[in-house]
């Protein structure tokens, strides 16, 4: 799949990619340089970044189901 960068450094992704990844205008994309080229992926929250909050959360609460949270974040009905 090829995409073209404009003079303003903008890239248009094919509709199939946008729909498959449930992307919408304003979403953040993480760009990472790799040995093979450039890796672009949707920027979602990282569980490891929640660790500093562990002490602030009541231990009586049930553990969150992160798979459910991740899939809910992909539901287009829950977007603005």
PDB file of N, CA and C in Angstrom:
ATOM      1  N   UNK A   1       0.847  -1.165   0.000  1.00  0.00           N
ATOM      2  CA  UNK A   1       0.000   0.000   0.000  1.00  0.00           C
ATOM      3  C   UNK A   1       0.898   1.236   0.000  1.00  0.00           C
ATOM      4  N   UNK A   2       0.634   2.136  -0.884  1.00  0.00           N
ATOM      5  CA  UNK A   2       1.418   3.359  -0.988  1.00  0.00           C
ATOM      6  C   UNK A   2       0.561   4.556  -0.615  1.00  0.00           C
ATOM      7  N   UNK A   3       1.170   5.509   0.083  1.00  0.00           N
ATOM      8  CA  UNK A   3       0.540   6.797   0.354  1.00  0.00           C
ATOM      9  C   UNK A   3       1.539   7.872  -0.064  1.00  0.00           C
ATOM     10  N   UNK A   4       1.046   9.059  -0.328  1.00  0.00           N
ATOM     11  CA  UNK A   4       1.897  10.130  -0.817  1.00  0.00           C
ATOM     12  C   UNK A   4       1.891  11.275   0.193  1.00  0.00           C
ATOM     13  N   UNK A   5       3.067  11.836   0.475  1.00  0.00           N
ATOM     14  CA  UNK A   5       3.160  12.971   1.385  1.00  0.00           C
ATOM     15  C   UNK A   5       3.089  14.262   0.563  1.00  0.00           C
ATOM     16  N   UNK A   6       2.290  15.213   1.036  1.00  0.00           N
ATOM     17  CA  UNK A   6       2.145  16.487   0.344  1.00  0.00           C
ATOM     18  C   UNK A   6       3.291  17.426   0.722  1.00  0.00           C
ATOM     19  N   UNK A   7       3.322  18.593   0.099  1.00  0.00           N
ATOM     20  CA  UNK A   7       4.352  19.588   0.409  1.00  0.00           C
ATOM     21  C   UNK A   7       4.228  20.107   1.838  1.00  0.00           C
ATOM     22  N   UNK A   8       3.062  19.925   2.436  1.00  0.00           N
ATOM     23  CA  UNK A   8       2.840  20.342   3.827  1.00  0.00           C
ATOM     24  C   UNK A   8       3.074  19.180   4.800  1.00  0.00           C
ATOM     25  N   UNK A   9       3.726  18.116   4.317  1.00  0.00           N
ATOM     26  CA  UNK A   9       4.057  16.919   5.113  1.00  0.00           C
ATOM     27  C   UNK A   9       2.805  16.200   5.617  1.00  0.00           C
ATOM     28  N   UNK A  10       1.731  16.258   4.878  1.00  0.00           N
ATOM     29  CA  UNK A  10       0.493  15.569   5.241  1.00  0.00           C
ATOM     30  C   UNK A  10       0.357  14.288   4.433  1.00  0.00           C
ATOM     31  N   UNK A  11      -0.210  13.260   5.086  1.00  0.00           N
ATOM     32  CA  UNK A  11      -0.418  11.974   4.443  1.00  0.00           C
ATOM     33  C   UNK A  11      -1.884  11.603   4.593  1.00  0.00           C
ATOM     34  N   UNK A  12      -2.482  11.094   3.531  1.00  0.00           N
ATOM     35  CA  UNK A  12      -3.858  10.616   3.582  1.00  0.00           C
ATOM     36  C   UNK A  12      -3.831   9.097   3.608  1.00  0.00           C
ATOM     37  N   UNK A  13      -4.462   8.528   4.651  1.00  0.00           N
ATOM     38  CA  UNK A  13      -4.510   7.075   4.770  1.00  0.00           C
ATOM     39  C   UNK A  13      -5.715   6.539   4.013  1.00  0.00           C
ATOM     40  N   UNK A  14      -5.588   5.367   3.416  1.00  0.00           N
ATOM     41  CA  UNK A  14      -6.720   4.766   2.716  1.00  0.00           C
ATOM     42  C   UNK A  14      -7.901   4.527   3.664  1.00  0.00           C
ATOM     43  N   UNK A  15      -9.095   4.655   3.136  1.00  0.00           N
ATOM     44  CA  UNK A  15     -10.319   4.504   3.924  1.00  0.00           C
ATOM     45  C   UNK A  15     -10.348   3.157   4.660  1.00  0.00           C
ATOM     46  N   UNK A  16      -9.906   2.087   4.005  1.00  0.00           N
ATOM     47  CA  UNK A  16      -9.934   0.755   4.632  1.00  0.00           C
ATOM     48  C   UNK A  16      -9.081   0.714   5.895  1.00  0.00           C
ATOM     49  N   UNK A  17      -7.926   1.397   5.877  1.00  0.00           N
ATOM     50  CA  UNK A  17      -7.048   1.432   7.052  1.00  0.00           C
ATOM     51  C   UNK A  17      -7.712   2.218   8.179  1.00  0.00           C
ATOM     52  N   UNK A  18      -8.267   3.363   7.854  1.00  0.00           N
ATOM     53  CA  UNK A  18      -8.919   4.210   8.849  1.00  0.00           C
ATOM     54  C   UNK A  18     -10.084   3.471   9.503  1.00  0.00           C
ATOM     55  N   UNK A  19     -10.869   2.780   8.694  1.00  0.00           N
ATOM     56  CA  UNK A  19     -12.013   2.042   9.240  1.00  0.00           C
ATOM     57  C   UNK A  19     -11.566   0.845  10.082  1.00  0.00           C
ATOM     58  N   UNK A  20     -10.563   0.128   9.627  1.00  0.00           N
ATOM     59  CA  UNK A  20     -10.103  -1.052  10.356  1.00  0.00           C
ATOM     60  C   UNK A  20      -9.551  -0.674  11.730  1.00  0.00           C
ATOM     61  N   UNK A  21      -8.860   0.463  11.823  1.00  0.00           N
ATOM     62  CA  UNK A  21      -8.263   0.909  13.084  1.00  0.00           C
ATOM     63  C   UNK A  21      -9.190   1.822  13.880  1.00  0.00           C
ATOM     64  N   UNK A  22     -10.395   2.063  13.363  1.00  0.00           N
ATOM     65  CA  UNK A  22     -11.390   2.901  14.031  1.00  0.00           C
ATOM     66  C   UNK A  22     -10.823   4.298  14.334  1.00  0.00           C
ATOM     67  N   UNK A  23     -10.161   4.887  13.346  1.00  0.00           N
ATOM     68  CA  UNK A  23      -9.586   6.214  13.510  1.00  0.00           C
ATOM     69  C   UNK A  23     -10.589   7.281  13.104  1.00  0.00           C
ATOM     70  N   UNK A  24     -10.423   8.456  13.706  1.00  0.00           N
ATOM     71  CA  UNK A  24     -11.247   9.597  13.313  1.00  0.00           C
ATOM     72  C   UNK A  24     -10.391  10.851  13.381  1.00  0.00           C
ATOM     73  N   UNK A  25     -10.858  11.926  12.801  1.00  0.00           N
ATOM     74  CA  UNK A  25     -10.121  13.187  12.802  1.00  0.00           C
ATOM     75  C   UNK A  25      -9.800  13.588  14.241  1.00  0.00           C
ATOM     76  N   UNK A  26      -8.569  13.983  14.468  1.00  0.00           N
ATOM     77  CA  UNK A  26      -8.147  14.415  15.798  1.00  0.00           C
ATOM     78  C   UNK A  26      -7.485  13.317  16.624  1.00  0.00           C
ATOM     79  N   UNK A  27      -7.574  12.049  16.193  1.00  0.00           N
ATOM     80  CA  UNK A  27      -6.915  10.968  16.916  1.00  0.00           C
ATOM     81  C   UNK A  27      -5.394  11.144  16.842  1.00  0.00           C
ATOM     82  N   UNK A  28      -4.714  10.687  17.877  1.00  0.00           N
ATOM     83  CA  UNK A  28      -3.254  10.741  17.904  1.00  0.00           C
ATOM     84  C   UNK A  28      -2.681   9.441  17.357  1.00  0.00           C
ATOM     85  N   UNK A  29      -1.616   9.577  16.587  1.00  0.00           N
ATOM     86  CA  UNK A  29      -0.918   8.417  16.045  1.00  0.00           C
ATOM     87  C   UNK A  29       0.526   8.446  16.545  1.00  0.00           C
ATOM     88  N   UNK A  30       1.010   7.312  17.019  1.00  0.00           N
ATOM     89  CA  UNK A  30       2.397   7.202  17.462  1.00  0.00           C
ATOM     90  C   UNK A  30       3.252   6.847  16.250  1.00  0.00           C
ATOM     91  N   UNK A  31       4.335   7.581  16.043  1.00  0.00           N
ATOM     92  CA  UNK A  31       5.245   7.349  14.921  1.00  0.00           C
ATOM     93  C   UNK A  31       6.585   6.934  15.504  1.00  0.00           C
ATOM     94  N   UNK A  32       7.094   5.801  15.040  1.00  0.00           N
ATOM     95  CA  UNK A  32       8.345   5.273  15.577  1.00  0.00           C
ATOM     96  C   UNK A  32       9.255   4.856  14.429  1.00  0.00           C
ATOM     97  N   UNK A  33      10.504   5.275  14.502  1.00  0.00           N
ATOM     98  CA  UNK A  33      11.488   4.863  13.499  1.00  0.00           C
ATOM     99  C   UNK A  33      12.006   3.483  13.886  1.00  0.00           C
ATOM    100  N   UNK A  34      12.025   2.566  12.920  1.00  0.00           N
ATOM    101  CA  UNK A  34      12.525   1.212  13.154  1.00  0.00           C
ATOM    102  C   UNK A  34      13.621   0.902  12.132  1.00  0.00           C
ATOM    103  N   UNK A  35      14.248  -0.248  12.282  1.00  0.00           N
ATOM    104  CA  UNK A  35      15.280  -0.651  11.315  1.00  0.00           C
ATOM    105  C   UNK A  35      14.690  -0.836   9.927  1.00  0.00           C
ATOM    106  N   UNK A  36      13.405  -1.231   9.868  1.00  0.00           N
ATOM    107  CA  UNK A  36      12.756  -1.496   8.587  1.00  0.00           C
ATOM    108  C   UNK A  36      12.085  -0.269   7.984  1.00  0.00           C
ATOM    109  N   UNK A  37      11.990   0.827   8.733  1.00  0.00           N
ATOM    110  CA  UNK A  37      11.318   2.013   8.229  1.00  0.00           C
ATOM    111  C   UNK A  37      10.561   2.723   9.329  1.00  0.00           C
ATOM    112  N   UNK A  38       9.341   3.131   9.041  1.00  0.00           N
ATOM    113  CA  UNK A  38       8.526   3.888   9.977  1.00  0.00           C
ATOM    114  C   UNK A  38       7.325   3.042  10.399  1.00  0.00           C
ATOM    115  N   UNK A  39       7.078   2.997  11.702  1.00  0.00           N
ATOM    116  CA  UNK A  39       5.921   2.301  12.250  1.00  0.00           C
ATOM    117  C   UNK A  39       4.936   3.350  12.738  1.00  0.00           C
ATOM    118  N   UNK A  40       3.711   3.294  12.236  1.00  0.00           N
ATOM    119  CA  UNK A  40       2.661   4.232  12.643  1.00  0.00           C
ATOM    120  C   UNK A  40       1.528   3.414  13.244  1.00  0.00           C
ATOM    121  N   UNK A  41       1.101   3.781  14.457  1.00  0.00           N
ATOM    122  CA  UNK A  41       0.001   3.058  15.100  1.00  0.00           C
ATOM    123  C   UNK A  41      -0.829   4.019  15.937  1.00  0.00           C
ATOM    124  N   UNK A  42      -2.083   3.672  16.173  1.00  0.00           N
ATOM    125  CA  UNK A  42      -2.917   4.526  17.013  1.00  0.00           C
ATOM    126  C   UNK A  42      -2.302   4.636  18.401  1.00  0.00           C
ATOM    127  N   UNK A  43      -2.367   5.827  18.974  1.00  0.00           N
ATOM    128  CA  UNK A  43      -1.839   6.027  20.325  1.00  0.00           C
ATOM    129  C   UNK A  43      -2.970   5.798  21.323  1.00  0.00           C
ATOM    130  N   UNK A  44      -2.867   4.705  22.047  1.00  0.00           N
ATOM    131  CA  UNK A  44      -3.837   4.367  23.080  1.00  0.00           C
ATOM    132  C   UNK A  44      -3.109   4.443  24.420  1.00  0.00           C
ATOM    133  N   UNK A  45      -3.835   4.456  25.503  1.00  0.00           N
ATOM    134  CA  UNK A  45      -3.162   4.547  26.797  1.00  0.00           C
ATOM    135  C   UNK A  45      -2.384   3.267  27.080  1.00  0.00           C
ATOM    136  N   UNK A  46      -1.307   3.408  27.844  1.00  0.00           N
ATOM    137  CA  UNK A  46      -0.460   2.274  28.195  1.00  0.00           C
ATOM    138  C   UNK A  46      -0.694   1.916  29.657  1.00  0.00           C
ATOM    139  N   UNK A  47      -0.963   0.655  29.921  1.00  0.00           N
ATOM    140  CA  UNK A  47      -1.251   0.186  31.273  1.00  0.00           C
ATOM    141  C   UNK A  47      -0.104   0.525  32.220  1.00  0.00           C
ATOM    142  N   UNK A  48       1.136   0.424  31.747  1.00  0.00           N
ATOM    143  CA  UNK A  48       2.294   0.677  32.615  1.00  0.00           C
ATOM    144  C   UNK A  48       2.321   2.110  33.137  1.00  0.00           C
ATOM    145  N   UNK A  49       1.707   3.042  32.419  1.00  0.00           N
ATOM    146  CA  UNK A  49       1.685   4.436  32.858  1.00  0.00           C
ATOM    147  C   UNK A  49       0.705   4.659  34.003  1.00  0.00           C
ATOM    148  N   UNK A  50      -0.133   3.662  34.286  1.00  0.00           N
ATOM    149  CA  UNK A  50      -1.081   3.782  35.387  1.00  0.00           C
ATOM    150  C   UNK A  50      -0.450   3.408  36.727  1.00  0.00           C
ATOM    151  N   UNK A  51       0.727   2.810  36.729  1.00  0.00           N
ATOM    152  CA  UNK A  51       1.369   2.326  37.952  1.00  0.00           C
ATOM    153  C   UNK A  51       1.484   3.395  39.043  1.00  0.00           C
ATOM    154  N   UNK A  52       1.851   4.646  38.757  1.00  0.00           N
ATOM    155  CA  UNK A  52       1.945   5.652  39.826  1.00  0.00           C
ATOM    156  C   UNK A  52       0.606   5.919  40.525  1.00  0.00           C
ATOM    157  N   UNK A  53      -0.493   5.569  39.897  1.00  0.00           N
ATOM    158  CA  UNK A  53      -1.815   5.809  40.495  1.00  0.00           C
ATOM    159  C   UNK A  53      -2.239   4.680  41.427  1.00  0.00           C
ATOM    160  N   UNK A  54      -1.503   3.580  41.410  1.00  0.00           N
ATOM    161  CA  UNK A  54      -1.889   2.393  42.172  1.00  0.00           C
ATOM    162  C   UNK A  54      -2.148   2.707  43.643  1.00  0.00           C
ATOM    163  N   UNK A  55      -1.299   3.540  44.254  1.00  0.00           N
ATOM    164  CA  UNK A  55      -1.440   3.868  45.668  1.00  0.00           C
ATOM    165  C   UNK A  55      -2.679   4.715  45.944  1.00  0.00           C
ATOM    166  N   UNK A  56      -3.183   5.388  44.947  1.00  0.00           N
ATOM    167  CA  UNK A  56      -4.322   6.291  45.126  1.00  0.00           C
ATOM    168  C   UNK A  56      -5.663   5.598  44.914  1.00  0.00           C
ATOM    169  N   UNK A  57      -5.646   4.357  44.454  1.00  0.00           N
ATOM    170  CA  UNK A  57      -6.879   3.628  44.167  1.00  0.00           C
ATOM    171  C   UNK A  57      -7.192   2.695  45.327  1.00  0.00           C
ATOM    172  N   UNK A  58      -8.429   2.719  45.774  1.00  0.00           N
ATOM    173  CA  UNK A  58      -8.851   1.857  46.877  1.00  0.00           C
ATOM    174  C   UNK A  58      -8.642   0.387  46.520  1.00  0.00           C
ATOM    175  N   UNK A  59      -8.071  -0.365  47.436  1.00  0.00           N
ATOM    176  CA  UNK A  59      -7.814  -1.787  47.208  1.00  0.00           C
ATOM    177  C   UNK A  59      -9.101  -2.608  47.227  1.00  0.00           C
ATOM    178  N   UNK A  60     -10.215  -2.008  47.670  1.00  0.00           N
ATOM    179  CA  UNK A  60     -11.500  -2.710  47.727  1.00  0.00           C
ATOM    180  C   UNK A  60     -12.166  -2.817  46.354  1.00  0.00           C
ATOM    181  N   UNK A  61     -11.703  -2.029  45.402  1.00  0.00           N
ATOM    182  CA  UNK A  61     -12.297  -2.048  44.067  1.00  0.00           C
ATOM    183  C   UNK A  61     -11.858  -3.290  43.299  1.00  0.00           C
ATOM    184  N   UNK A  62     -12.732  -3.845  42.450  1.00  0.00           N
ATOM    185  CA  UNK A  62     -12.309  -4.986  41.630  1.00  0.00           C
ATOM    186  C   UNK A  62     -11.277  -4.529  40.592  1.00  0.00           C
ATOM    187  N   UNK A  63     -10.426  -5.448  40.180  1.00  0.00           N
ATOM    188  CA  UNK A  63      -9.413  -5.126  39.170  1.00  0.00           C
ATOM    189  C   UNK A  63     -10.103  -4.787  37.849  1.00  0.00           C
ATOM    190  N   UNK A  64      -9.617  -3.763  37.147  1.00  0.00           N
ATOM    191  CA  UNK A  64     -10.229  -3.407  35.859  1.00  0.00           C
ATOM    192  C   UNK A  64      -9.923  -4.460  34.799  1.00  0.00           C
ATOM    193  N   UNK A  65     -10.850  -4.633  33.876  1.00  0.00           N
ATOM    194  CA  UNK A  65     -10.654  -5.541  32.746  1.00  0.00           C
ATOM    195  C   UNK A  65     -10.165  -4.689  31.573  1.00  0.00           C
ATOM    196  N   UNK A  66      -8.850  -4.672  31.362  1.00  0.00           N
ATOM    197  CA  UNK A  66      -8.266  -3.787  30.354  1.00  0.00           C
ATOM    198  C   UNK A  66      -8.661  -4.177  28.930  1.00  0.00           C
ATOM    199  N   UNK A  67      -8.916  -5.446  28.693  1.00  0.00           N
ATOM    200  CA  UNK A  67      -9.367  -5.847  27.351  1.00  0.00           C
ATOM    201  C   UNK A  67     -10.718  -5.216  27.036  1.00  0.00           C
ATOM    202  N   UNK A  68     -11.619  -5.211  28.014  1.00  0.00           N
ATOM    203  CA  UNK A  68     -12.929  -4.586  27.822  1.00  0.00           C
ATOM    204  C   UNK A  68     -12.778  -3.093  27.573  1.00  0.00           C
ATOM    205  N   UNK A  69     -11.892  -2.457  28.324  1.00  0.00           N
ATOM    206  CA  UNK A  69     -11.665  -1.014  28.172  1.00  0.00           C
ATOM    207  C   UNK A  69     -11.093  -0.721  26.790  1.00  0.00           C
ATOM    208  N   UNK A  70     -10.111  -1.517  26.346  1.00  0.00           N
ATOM    209  CA  UNK A  70      -9.509  -1.300  25.024  1.00  0.00           C
ATOM    210  C   UNK A  70     -10.542  -1.437  23.914  1.00  0.00           C
ATOM    211  N   UNK A  71     -11.368  -2.491  23.982  1.00  0.00           N
ATOM    212  CA  UNK A  71     -12.368  -2.702  22.939  1.00  0.00           C
ATOM    213  C   UNK A  71     -13.442  -1.617  22.978  1.00  0.00           C
ATOM    214  N   UNK A  72     -13.798  -1.152  24.160  1.00  0.00           N
ATOM    215  CA  UNK A  72     -14.783  -0.067  24.260  1.00  0.00           C
ATOM    216  C   UNK A  72     -14.240   1.205  23.623  1.00  0.00           C
ATOM    217  N   UNK A  73     -12.918   1.433  23.753  1.00  0.00           N
ATOM    218  CA  UNK A  73     -12.345   2.648  23.171  1.00  0.00           C
ATOM    219  C   UNK A  73     -12.371   2.621  21.649  1.00  0.00           C
ATOM    220  N   UNK A  74     -12.551   1.438  21.064  1.00  0.00           N
ATOM    221  CA  UNK A  74     -12.626   1.312  19.607  1.00  0.00           C
ATOM    222  C   UNK A  74     -14.054   1.444  19.079  1.00  0.00           C
ATOM    223  N   UNK A  75     -15.019   1.446  19.976  1.00  0.00           N
ATOM    224  CA  UNK A  75     -16.427   1.494  19.580  1.00  0.00           C
ATOM    225  C   UNK A  75     -16.755   2.890  19.042  1.00  0.00           C
ATOM    226  N   UNK A  76     -17.039   3.028  17.759  1.00  0.00           N
ATOM    227  CA  UNK A  76     -17.308   4.356  17.181  1.00  0.00           C
ATOM    228  C   UNK A  76     -18.541   5.025  17.785  1.00  0.00           C
ATOM    229  N   UNK A  77     -19.446   4.254  18.378  1.00  0.00           N
ATOM    230  CA  UNK A  77     -20.638   4.851  18.998  1.00  0.00           C
ATOM    231  C   UNK A  77     -20.281   5.646  20.255  1.00  0.00           C
ATOM    232  N   UNK A  78     -19.095   5.386  20.814  1.00  0.00           N
ATOM    233  CA  UNK A  78     -18.684   6.076  22.038  1.00  0.00           C
ATOM    234  C   UNK A  78     -17.812   7.293  21.751  1.00  0.00           C
ATOM    235  N   UNK A  79     -17.613   7.598  20.485  1.00  0.00           N
ATOM    236  CA  UNK A  79     -16.820   8.775  20.109  1.00  0.00           C
ATOM    237  C   UNK A  79     -17.689  10.007  20.150  1.00  0.00           C
ATOM    238  N   UNK A  80     -17.030  11.176  20.126  1.00  0.00           N
ATOM    239  CA  UNK A  80     -17.756  12.462  20.121  1.00  0.00           C
ATOM    240  C   UNK A  80     -18.673  12.567  18.933  1.00  0.00           C
TER     241      UNK A  80
END
